[in-house]
Amino acid sequence: MFVSNFVLVISALIYGAAANPYQLHPTVNSGSSLEAFEAAEYKLAWLIDSKNYTAFGEVLTNDVVYDSTDLGAYGGRSEGLEQTVAAIRSASAGARVSHIVTNSLVFDAITPTKWRTDTYITWSHWVEDALDDITKTFRIFYRCDDIWVLQNGAWKLQYSKVYNMGYGAEAPFYGKKS
């Protein structure tokens, strides 16, 4: 009885480890795929906010599709790395921006190197001389339904569908700047 229970426990541990993609495929830049994925999400936000447009290939695939049409005038759809970087550059032009990644969940490990994820983001966009103009200074809360893939040891965004979580953009300033 003891031997059979021991074999069952060992078998379950082996099967569990084999079925867990978070531990199976560590990348060069982290101890686990989950940590590396989270770091890639944060890095993407940082690259946007720091306007480091030449490094987007580190976190976006060459065939990336980014669809933020649900954001109306504040969004759009881009296909491919070059078009996506151009759209990000255009959206950030002349503004200070902040993307705060709040909640992230791996919905489905489609394969150990391709994950469907859900991420909530707060996007703030400020234009110094237009704090009262909601087309230039605004805050939007949105959710991304994404596909991330592991390429050459790095997690990269391959597809993103953005959903507006509010009624529209918020005006973050009420009154005069102090």
N, C-alpha and C. Protein backbone atom coordinates (compact mmCIF):
# COMPACT_ATOMS: atom_id res chain seq x y z
N MET A 1 0.83 -1.20 0.00
CA MET A 1 0.00 0.00 0.00
C MET A 1 0.87 1.26 0.00
N PHE A 2 1.86 1.29 0.86
CA PHE A 2 2.76 2.43 0.94
C PHE A 2 3.46 2.65 -0.40
N VAL A 3 3.94 1.58 -1.00
CA VAL A 3 4.65 1.68 -2.28
C VAL A 3 3.74 2.21 -3.37
N SER A 4 2.50 1.71 -3.43
CA SER A 4 1.58 2.18 -4.48
C SER A 4 1.22 3.65 -4.27
N ASN A 5 1.01 4.09 -3.02
CA ASN A 5 0.74 5.50 -2.75
C ASN A 5 1.95 6.36 -3.11
N PHE A 6 3.14 5.87 -2.81
CA PHE A 6 4.36 6.59 -3.13
C PHE A 6 4.49 6.76 -4.65
N VAL A 7 4.22 5.70 -5.39
CA VAL A 7 4.28 5.75 -6.85
C VAL A 7 3.25 6.74 -7.39
N LEU A 8 2.05 6.75 -6.82
CA LEU A 8 1.02 7.69 -7.26
C LEU A 8 1.44 9.14 -7.00
N VAL A 9 2.01 9.39 -5.83
CA VAL A 9 2.44 10.74 -5.49
C VAL A 9 3.56 11.20 -6.42
N ILE A 10 4.54 10.35 -6.64
CA ILE A 10 5.65 10.69 -7.54
C ILE A 10 5.14 10.91 -8.96
N SER A 11 4.24 10.04 -9.41
CA SER A 11 3.67 10.19 -10.74
C SER A 11 2.92 11.51 -10.87
N ALA A 12 2.15 11.87 -9.85
CA ALA A 12 1.41 13.13 -9.87
C ALA A 12 2.35 14.31 -9.91
N LEU A 13 3.45 14.26 -9.15
CA LEU A 13 4.42 15.35 -9.15
C LEU A 13 5.09 15.49 -10.52
N ILE A 14 5.44 14.37 -11.11
CA ILE A 14 6.08 14.41 -12.43
C ILE A 14 5.10 14.93 -13.47
N TYR A 15 3.86 14.44 -13.45
CA TYR A 15 2.86 14.91 -14.40
C TYR A 15 2.57 16.40 -14.18
N GLY A 16 2.45 16.79 -12.91
CA GLY A 16 2.17 18.19 -12.60
C GLY A 16 3.28 19.11 -13.10
N ALA A 17 4.53 18.70 -12.92
CA ALA A 17 5.65 19.51 -13.40
C ALA A 17 5.65 19.58 -14.92
N ALA A 18 5.33 18.47 -15.57
CA ALA A 18 5.31 18.46 -17.03
C ALA A 18 4.16 19.29 -17.58
N ALA A 19 3.06 19.37 -16.83
CA ALA A 19 1.89 20.11 -17.30
C ALA A 19 1.97 21.59 -16.95
N ASN A 20 2.99 22.01 -16.19
CA ASN A 20 3.09 23.39 -15.75
C ASN A 20 4.04 24.17 -16.65
N PRO A 21 3.53 24.95 -17.59
CA PRO A 21 4.40 25.68 -18.52
C PRO A 21 5.19 26.79 -17.84
N TYR A 22 4.74 27.23 -16.65
CA TYR A 22 5.42 28.31 -15.98
C TYR A 22 6.84 27.92 -15.55
N GLN A 23 7.06 26.67 -15.28
CA GLN A 23 8.37 26.23 -14.82
C GLN A 23 9.16 25.50 -15.90
N LEU A 24 8.51 25.08 -16.95
CA LEU A 24 9.18 24.27 -17.96
C LEU A 24 10.13 25.05 -18.85
N HIS A 25 9.80 26.28 -19.15
CA HIS A 25 10.56 27.01 -20.15
C HIS A 25 11.10 28.32 -19.60
N PRO A 26 12.07 28.24 -18.68
CA PRO A 26 12.65 29.50 -18.21
C PRO A 26 13.37 30.19 -19.36
N THR A 27 13.43 31.49 -19.29
CA THR A 27 14.08 32.24 -20.35
C THR A 27 15.42 32.76 -19.86
N VAL A 28 16.14 33.37 -20.74
CA VAL A 28 17.47 33.86 -20.40
C VAL A 28 17.43 35.01 -19.40
N ASN A 29 16.31 35.70 -19.29
CA ASN A 29 16.29 36.88 -18.45
C ASN A 29 15.47 36.72 -17.17
N SER A 30 15.13 35.49 -16.78
CA SER A 30 14.35 35.33 -15.57
C SER A 30 14.36 33.88 -15.12
N GLY A 31 13.91 33.66 -13.86
CA GLY A 31 13.89 32.32 -13.31
C GLY A 31 12.72 31.48 -13.79
N SER A 32 11.66 32.09 -14.26
CA SER A 32 10.51 31.33 -14.75
C SER A 32 9.86 32.09 -15.90
N SER A 33 9.10 31.37 -16.68
CA SER A 33 8.41 32.00 -17.80
C SER A 33 7.40 33.04 -17.32
N LEU A 34 6.73 32.76 -16.20
CA LEU A 34 5.76 33.72 -15.69
C LEU A 34 6.44 35.03 -15.29
N GLU A 35 7.56 34.94 -14.59
CA GLU A 35 8.29 36.16 -14.22
C GLU A 35 8.80 36.89 -15.47
N ALA A 36 9.28 36.14 -16.45
CA ALA A 36 9.79 36.76 -17.67
C ALA A 36 8.66 37.42 -18.45
N PHE A 37 7.48 36.79 -18.49
CA PHE A 37 6.32 37.37 -19.15
C PHE A 37 5.92 38.69 -18.49
N GLU A 38 5.84 38.68 -17.15
CA GLU A 38 5.48 39.90 -16.43
C GLU A 38 6.51 41.00 -16.68
N ALA A 39 7.78 40.64 -16.70
CA ALA A 39 8.82 41.62 -16.98
C ALA A 39 8.66 42.20 -18.38
N ALA A 40 8.27 41.37 -19.33
CA ALA A 40 8.06 41.86 -20.71
C ALA A 40 6.89 42.83 -20.76
N GLU A 41 5.82 42.54 -20.03
CA GLU A 41 4.68 43.49 -19.99
C GLU A 41 5.12 44.83 -19.42
N TYR A 42 5.84 44.79 -18.30
CA TYR A 42 6.30 46.03 -17.68
C TYR A 42 7.28 46.76 -18.60
N LYS A 43 8.13 46.01 -19.29
CA LYS A 43 9.10 46.63 -20.18
C LYS A 43 8.39 47.33 -21.34
N LEU A 44 7.34 46.71 -21.88
CA LEU A 44 6.58 47.34 -22.95
C LEU A 44 6.01 48.68 -22.48
N ALA A 45 5.42 48.71 -21.29
CA ALA A 45 4.88 49.97 -20.75
C ALA A 45 6.00 50.99 -20.59
N TRP A 46 7.15 50.56 -20.07
CA TRP A 46 8.27 51.47 -19.87
C TRP A 46 8.80 52.00 -21.20
N LEU A 47 8.89 51.14 -22.21
CA LEU A 47 9.36 51.59 -23.52
C LEU A 47 8.44 52.66 -24.11
N ILE A 48 7.13 52.47 -23.95
CA ILE A 48 6.17 53.47 -24.44
C ILE A 48 6.37 54.78 -23.69
N ASP A 49 6.42 54.69 -22.36
CA ASP A 49 6.51 55.90 -21.53
C ASP A 49 7.84 56.63 -21.70
N SER A 50 8.92 55.89 -21.92
CA SER A 50 10.23 56.52 -22.09
C SER A 50 10.51 56.89 -23.55
N LYS A 51 9.57 56.54 -24.43
CA LYS A 51 9.66 56.84 -25.86
C LYS A 51 10.93 56.24 -26.47
N ASN A 52 11.22 55.03 -26.06
CA ASN A 52 12.39 54.30 -26.57
C ASN A 52 11.94 53.47 -27.76
N TYR A 53 11.67 54.11 -28.86
CA TYR A 53 11.05 53.48 -30.03
C TYR A 53 11.94 52.46 -30.72
N THR A 54 13.24 52.54 -30.55
CA THR A 54 14.14 51.60 -31.23
C THR A 54 14.18 50.24 -30.56
N ALA A 55 13.67 50.11 -29.34
CA ALA A 55 13.76 48.84 -28.61
C ALA A 55 12.48 48.02 -28.63
N PHE A 56 11.46 48.46 -29.36
CA PHE A 56 10.19 47.74 -29.34
C PHE A 56 10.29 46.31 -29.88
N GLY A 57 11.26 46.05 -30.74
CA GLY A 57 11.45 44.69 -31.24
C GLY A 57 11.81 43.69 -30.15
N GLU A 58 12.21 44.19 -28.99
CA GLU A 58 12.52 43.32 -27.86
C GLU A 58 11.26 42.77 -27.20
N VAL A 59 10.12 43.42 -27.41
CA VAL A 59 8.89 43.00 -26.74
C VAL A 59 7.69 42.85 -27.68
N LEU A 60 7.88 43.16 -28.97
CA LEU A 60 6.82 42.98 -29.97
C LEU A 60 7.34 42.09 -31.08
N THR A 61 6.47 41.21 -31.60
CA THR A 61 6.88 40.39 -32.74
C THR A 61 6.86 41.25 -34.01
N ASN A 62 7.52 40.79 -35.03
CA ASN A 62 7.52 41.52 -36.31
C ASN A 62 6.13 41.59 -36.92
N ASP A 63 5.28 40.59 -36.63
CA ASP A 63 3.93 40.54 -37.20
C ASP A 63 2.85 40.95 -36.19
N VAL A 64 3.22 41.73 -35.19
CA VAL A 64 2.28 42.13 -34.14
C VAL A 64 1.05 42.80 -34.74
N VAL A 65 -0.10 42.53 -34.14
CA VAL A 65 -1.35 43.22 -34.46
C VAL A 65 -1.83 43.87 -33.17
N TYR A 66 -2.05 45.18 -33.21
CA TYR A 66 -2.51 45.91 -32.04
C TYR A 66 -3.80 46.62 -32.41
N ASP A 67 -4.90 46.20 -31.81
CA ASP A 67 -6.23 46.72 -32.15
C ASP A 67 -6.83 47.41 -30.95
N SER A 68 -6.76 48.73 -30.95
CA SER A 68 -7.36 49.51 -29.86
C SER A 68 -8.51 50.36 -30.39
N THR A 69 -9.20 49.85 -31.39
CA THR A 69 -10.31 50.60 -31.99
C THR A 69 -11.44 50.85 -30.99
N ASP A 70 -11.53 50.05 -29.94
CA ASP A 70 -12.56 50.24 -28.91
C ASP A 70 -12.35 51.55 -28.16
N LEU A 71 -11.17 52.15 -28.27
CA LEU A 71 -10.90 53.43 -27.61
C LEU A 71 -11.35 54.62 -28.45
N GLY A 72 -11.99 54.35 -29.57
CA GLY A 72 -12.51 55.43 -30.42
C GLY A 72 -11.40 56.31 -30.95
N ALA A 73 -11.55 57.62 -30.80
CA ALA A 73 -10.58 58.58 -31.32
C ALA A 73 -9.21 58.43 -30.67
N TYR A 74 -9.13 57.75 -29.54
CA TYR A 74 -7.86 57.57 -28.83
C TYR A 74 -7.14 56.29 -29.25
N GLY A 75 -7.73 55.51 -30.12
CA GLY A 75 -7.15 54.23 -30.50
C GLY A 75 -7.04 54.07 -31.99
N GLY A 76 -6.85 52.83 -32.41
CA GLY A 76 -6.72 52.51 -33.83
C GLY A 76 -6.27 51.07 -33.98
N ARG A 77 -5.92 50.70 -35.16
CA ARG A 77 -5.44 49.34 -35.44
C ARG A 77 -4.15 49.44 -36.24
N SER A 78 -3.16 48.68 -35.81
CA SER A 78 -1.89 48.64 -36.53
C SER A 78 -1.47 47.19 -36.71
N GLU A 79 -0.79 46.95 -37.82
CA GLU A 79 -0.32 45.60 -38.13
C GLU A 79 1.16 45.67 -38.48
N GLY A 80 1.93 44.84 -37.82
CA GLY A 80 3.37 44.81 -38.05
C GLY A 80 4.10 45.72 -37.09
N LEU A 81 5.35 45.40 -36.85
CA LEU A 81 6.17 46.14 -35.90
C LEU A 81 6.33 47.61 -36.30
N GLU A 82 6.64 47.84 -37.54
CA GLU A 82 6.89 49.22 -38.00
C GLU A 82 5.64 50.09 -37.84
N GLN A 83 4.49 49.59 -38.26
CA GLN A 83 3.24 50.36 -38.17
C GLN A 83 2.84 50.57 -36.71
N THR A 84 3.05 49.56 -35.88
CA THR A 84 2.68 49.66 -34.46
C THR A 84 3.56 50.69 -33.75
N VAL A 85 4.85 50.66 -34.00
CA VAL A 85 5.75 51.64 -33.39
C VAL A 85 5.39 53.05 -33.87
N ALA A 86 5.07 53.21 -35.15
CA ALA A 86 4.67 54.51 -35.68
C ALA A 86 3.39 55.01 -34.99
N ALA A 87 2.44 54.12 -34.74
CA ALA A 87 1.19 54.50 -34.07
C ALA A 87 1.47 54.92 -32.62
N ILE A 88 2.33 54.19 -31.94
CA ILE A 88 2.69 54.53 -30.56
C ILE A 88 3.41 55.88 -30.53
N ARG A 89 4.33 56.08 -31.46
CA ARG A 89 5.06 57.35 -31.54
C ARG A 89 4.08 58.51 -31.77
N SER A 90 3.13 58.32 -32.67
CA SER A 90 2.15 59.36 -32.98
C SER A 90 1.26 59.67 -31.77
N ALA A 91 0.83 58.62 -31.08
CA ALA A 91 -0.05 58.81 -29.91
C ALA A 91 0.67 59.50 -28.76
N SER A 92 1.98 59.37 -28.70
CA SER A 92 2.76 59.95 -27.59
C SER A 92 3.39 61.30 -27.94
N ALA A 93 3.29 61.72 -29.17
CA ALA A 93 3.97 62.94 -29.62
C ALA A 93 3.54 64.15 -28.81
N GLY A 94 4.52 64.88 -28.30
CA GLY A 94 4.25 66.12 -27.58
C GLY A 94 3.61 65.95 -26.22
N ALA A 95 3.58 64.72 -25.70
CA ALA A 95 2.89 64.48 -24.44
C ALA A 95 3.79 63.72 -23.47
N ARG A 96 3.47 63.84 -22.21
CA ARG A 96 4.02 62.94 -21.20
C ARG A 96 2.99 61.83 -21.06
N VAL A 97 3.46 60.59 -21.04
CA VAL A 97 2.54 59.46 -20.95
C VAL A 97 2.95 58.53 -19.83
N SER A 98 1.97 57.81 -19.31
CA SER A 98 2.21 56.82 -18.27
C SER A 98 1.26 55.66 -18.51
N HIS A 99 1.82 54.46 -18.54
CA HIS A 99 1.03 53.23 -18.66
C HIS A 99 1.29 52.41 -17.40
N ILE A 100 0.27 52.29 -16.57
CA ILE A 100 0.41 51.52 -15.33
C ILE A 100 -0.25 50.17 -15.54
N VAL A 101 0.55 49.12 -15.49
CA VAL A 101 0.05 47.75 -15.63
C VAL A 101 -0.43 47.31 -14.25
N THR A 102 -1.73 47.07 -14.11
CA THR A 102 -2.26 46.78 -12.77
C THR A 102 -2.51 45.30 -12.53
N ASN A 103 -3.30 44.66 -13.33
CA ASN A 103 -3.62 43.25 -13.15
C ASN A 103 -3.25 42.48 -14.40
N SER A 104 -2.67 41.31 -14.21
CA SER A 104 -2.28 40.49 -15.34
C SER A 104 -2.61 39.03 -15.01
N LEU A 105 -3.18 38.36 -15.97
CA LEU A 105 -3.58 36.97 -15.76
C LEU A 105 -3.31 36.16 -17.01
N VAL A 106 -2.67 35.02 -16.84
CA VAL A 106 -2.50 34.09 -17.96
C VAL A 106 -3.77 33.25 -18.00
N PHE A 107 -4.60 33.47 -19.02
CA PHE A 107 -5.84 32.72 -19.18
C PHE A 107 -5.59 31.31 -19.67
N ASP A 108 -4.69 31.21 -20.63
CA ASP A 108 -4.52 29.93 -21.31
C ASP A 108 -3.09 29.80 -21.80
N ALA A 109 -2.41 28.78 -21.35
CA ALA A 109 -1.11 28.46 -21.94
C ALA A 109 -1.42 27.60 -23.16
N ILE A 110 -1.63 28.27 -24.29
CA ILE A 110 -2.00 27.57 -25.53
C ILE A 110 -0.95 26.50 -25.82
N THR A 111 0.30 26.89 -25.69
CA THR A 111 1.45 25.98 -25.70
C THR A 111 2.39 26.55 -24.64
N PRO A 112 3.44 25.84 -24.29
CA PRO A 112 4.37 26.42 -23.31
C PRO A 112 5.04 27.71 -23.79
N THR A 113 4.97 28.00 -25.08
CA THR A 113 5.61 29.20 -25.61
C THR A 113 4.62 30.17 -26.26
N LYS A 114 3.33 29.96 -26.03
CA LYS A 114 2.29 30.86 -26.56
C LYS A 114 1.17 30.94 -25.55
N TRP A 115 0.98 32.13 -24.99
CA TRP A 115 -0.01 32.32 -23.92
C TRP A 115 -1.04 33.37 -24.31
N ARG A 116 -2.29 33.11 -23.88
CA ARG A 116 -3.35 34.11 -23.98
C ARG A 116 -3.47 34.75 -22.60
N THR A 117 -3.37 36.07 -22.56
CA THR A 117 -3.35 36.78 -21.29
C THR A 117 -4.38 37.90 -21.26
N ASP A 118 -4.67 38.36 -20.08
CA ASP A 118 -5.60 39.46 -19.86
C ASP A 118 -4.90 40.45 -18.94
N THR A 119 -4.81 41.70 -19.35
CA THR A 119 -4.08 42.71 -18.58
C THR A 119 -4.89 44.00 -18.51
N TYR A 120 -4.91 44.58 -17.31
CA TYR A 120 -5.58 45.87 -17.12
C TYR A 120 -4.52 46.96 -17.05
N ILE A 121 -4.79 48.07 -17.73
CA ILE A 121 -3.82 49.16 -17.82
C ILE A 121 -4.53 50.50 -17.61
N THR A 122 -3.85 51.40 -16.91
CA THR A 122 -4.29 52.78 -16.80
C THR A 122 -3.34 53.62 -17.64
N TRP A 123 -3.87 54.31 -18.63
CA TRP A 123 -3.08 55.13 -19.54
C TRP A 123 -3.39 56.59 -19.26
N SER A 124 -2.36 57.33 -18.86
CA SER A 124 -2.48 58.77 -18.66
C SER A 124 -1.66 59.48 -19.73
N HIS A 125 -2.21 60.57 -20.23
CA HIS A 125 -1.62 61.31 -21.36
C HIS A 125 -1.78 62.79 -21.04
N TRP A 126 -0.66 63.50 -20.87
CA TRP A 126 -0.70 64.90 -20.50
C TRP A 126 0.03 65.75 -21.52
N VAL A 127 -0.61 66.83 -21.94
CA VAL A 127 0.04 67.85 -22.77
C VAL A 127 0.04 69.12 -21.92
N GLU A 128 1.23 69.57 -21.60
CA GLU A 128 1.44 70.66 -20.64
C GLU A 128 0.56 71.89 -20.90
N ASP A 129 0.48 72.34 -22.14
CA ASP A 129 -0.29 73.56 -22.42
C ASP A 129 -1.74 73.26 -22.81
N ALA A 130 -2.20 72.05 -22.55
CA ALA A 130 -3.58 71.69 -22.90
C ALA A 130 -4.21 70.80 -21.80
N LEU A 131 -3.98 71.17 -20.55
CA LEU A 131 -4.49 70.35 -19.45
C LEU A 131 -6.01 70.32 -19.38
N ASP A 132 -6.67 71.32 -19.97
CA ASP A 132 -8.13 71.37 -19.97
C ASP A 132 -8.75 70.80 -21.24
N ASP A 133 -7.93 70.30 -22.15
CA ASP A 133 -8.40 69.77 -23.44
C ASP A 133 -8.39 68.24 -23.37
N ILE A 134 -9.56 67.65 -23.26
CA ILE A 134 -9.65 66.19 -23.08
C ILE A 134 -9.17 65.40 -24.30
N THR A 135 -9.00 66.06 -25.42
CA THR A 135 -8.43 65.35 -26.57
C THR A 135 -6.92 65.23 -26.46
N LYS A 136 -6.32 66.01 -25.54
CA LYS A 136 -4.86 66.00 -25.39
C LYS A 136 -4.41 65.57 -23.99
N THR A 137 -5.22 65.82 -22.99
CA THR A 137 -4.91 65.44 -21.62
C THR A 137 -6.06 64.59 -21.10
N PHE A 138 -5.76 63.32 -20.87
CA PHE A 138 -6.82 62.37 -20.51
C PHE A 138 -6.26 61.16 -19.79
N ARG A 139 -7.16 60.40 -19.24
CA ARG A 139 -6.82 59.12 -18.62
C ARG A 139 -7.86 58.10 -19.09
N ILE A 140 -7.36 56.92 -19.46
CA ILE A 140 -8.25 55.84 -19.92
C ILE A 140 -7.88 54.55 -19.19
N PHE A 141 -8.89 53.85 -18.74
CA PHE A 141 -8.71 52.53 -18.14
C PHE A 141 -9.11 51.50 -19.18
N TYR A 142 -8.19 50.60 -19.51
CA TYR A 142 -8.52 49.61 -20.52
C TYR A 142 -7.98 48.24 -20.17
N ARG A 143 -8.52 47.25 -20.88
CA ARG A 143 -8.14 45.84 -20.69
C ARG A 143 -7.65 45.31 -22.02
N CYS A 144 -6.57 44.53 -21.97
CA CYS A 144 -6.00 43.94 -23.17
C CYS A 144 -6.17 42.43 -23.15
N ASP A 145 -6.75 41.89 -24.19
CA ASP A 145 -6.83 40.45 -24.41
C ASP A 145 -5.71 40.15 -25.40
N ASP A 146 -4.63 39.54 -24.90
CA ASP A 146 -3.39 39.45 -25.67
C ASP A 146 -2.95 38.02 -25.95
N ILE A 147 -2.12 37.90 -26.96
CA ILE A 147 -1.37 36.67 -27.22
C ILE A 147 0.11 37.05 -27.14
N TRP A 148 0.83 36.39 -26.27
CA TRP A 148 2.28 36.57 -26.11
C TRP A 148 2.95 35.28 -26.54
N VAL A 149 4.09 35.40 -27.21
CA VAL A 149 4.85 34.23 -27.65
C VAL A 149 6.29 34.36 -27.18
N LEU A 150 6.88 33.21 -26.92
CA LEU A 150 8.28 33.16 -26.52
C LEU A 150 9.13 32.98 -27.77
N GLN A 151 9.93 33.99 -28.09
CA GLN A 151 10.79 33.95 -29.28
C GLN A 151 12.23 34.24 -28.86
N ASN A 152 13.11 33.32 -29.19
CA ASN A 152 14.54 33.50 -28.88
C ASN A 152 14.77 33.87 -27.43
N GLY A 153 14.04 33.20 -26.53
CA GLY A 153 14.24 33.40 -25.10
C GLY A 153 13.58 34.63 -24.52
N ALA A 154 12.74 35.33 -25.28
CA ALA A 154 12.08 36.53 -24.78
C ALA A 154 10.59 36.48 -25.11
N TRP A 155 9.75 36.90 -24.14
CA TRP A 155 8.32 37.00 -24.40
C TRP A 155 8.04 38.25 -25.22
N LYS A 156 7.23 38.08 -26.28
CA LYS A 156 6.89 39.19 -27.16
C LYS A 156 5.38 39.20 -27.43
N LEU A 157 4.82 40.37 -27.48
CA LEU A 157 3.41 40.55 -27.79
C LEU A 157 3.20 40.31 -29.28
N GLN A 158 2.26 39.40 -29.59
CA GLN A 158 1.95 39.09 -30.99
C GLN A 158 0.60 39.67 -31.42
N TYR A 159 -0.34 39.71 -30.48
CA TYR A 159 -1.68 40.19 -30.80
C TYR A 159 -2.27 40.84 -29.55
N SER A 160 -2.94 41.97 -29.73
CA SER A 160 -3.60 42.63 -28.62
C SER A 160 -4.92 43.23 -29.08
N LYS A 161 -5.98 42.90 -28.36
CA LYS A 161 -7.30 43.51 -28.57
C LYS A 161 -7.60 44.29 -27.30
N VAL A 162 -7.76 45.59 -27.44
CA VAL A 162 -7.96 46.50 -26.32
C VAL A 162 -9.45 46.80 -26.14
N TYR A 163 -9.90 46.76 -24.89
CA TYR A 163 -11.29 47.08 -24.55
C TYR A 163 -11.31 48.22 -23.55
N ASN A 164 -12.09 49.27 -23.86
CA ASN A 164 -12.25 50.39 -22.95
C ASN A 164 -13.08 49.93 -21.75
N MET A 165 -12.58 50.15 -20.55
CA MET A 165 -13.29 49.70 -19.35
C MET A 165 -14.20 50.78 -18.77
N GLY A 166 -14.16 51.96 -19.33
CA GLY A 166 -15.03 53.03 -18.86
C GLY A 166 -15.94 53.51 -19.98
N TYR A 167 -16.55 54.64 -19.76
CA TYR A 167 -17.44 55.21 -20.78
C TYR A 167 -16.66 55.98 -21.83
N GLY A 168 -15.44 56.26 -21.53
CA GLY A 168 -14.58 57.02 -22.44
C GLY A 168 -13.39 57.54 -21.67
N ALA A 169 -12.76 58.55 -22.23
CA ALA A 169 -11.60 59.15 -21.56
C ALA A 169 -12.08 60.02 -20.40
N GLU A 170 -11.24 60.08 -19.36
CA GLU A 170 -11.51 60.95 -18.22
C GLU A 170 -10.60 62.16 -18.32
N ALA A 171 -11.09 63.30 -17.81
CA ALA A 171 -10.27 64.50 -17.72
C ALA A 171 -9.61 64.47 -16.34
N PRO A 172 -8.28 64.26 -16.28
CA PRO A 172 -7.64 64.10 -14.98
C PRO A 172 -7.41 65.39 -14.21
N PHE A 173 -7.57 66.57 -14.86
CA PHE A 173 -7.34 67.83 -14.18
C PHE A 173 -8.64 68.61 -14.08
N TYR A 174 -8.89 69.15 -12.90
CA TYR A 174 -10.07 69.98 -12.67
C TYR A 174 -9.54 71.28 -12.06
N GLY A 175 -9.57 72.31 -12.80
CA GLY A 175 -9.04 73.56 -12.29
C GLY A 175 -7.69 73.87 -12.88
N LYS A 176 -6.96 74.75 -12.23
CA LYS A 176 -5.68 75.22 -12.74
C LYS A 176 -4.52 74.40 -12.20
N LYS A 177 -3.47 74.34 -13.00
CA LYS A 177 -2.23 73.68 -12.61
C LYS A 177 -1.55 74.53 -11.55
N SER A 178 -1.06 73.88 -10.49
CA SER A 178 -0.40 74.66 -9.43
C SER A 178 1.10 74.65 -9.59
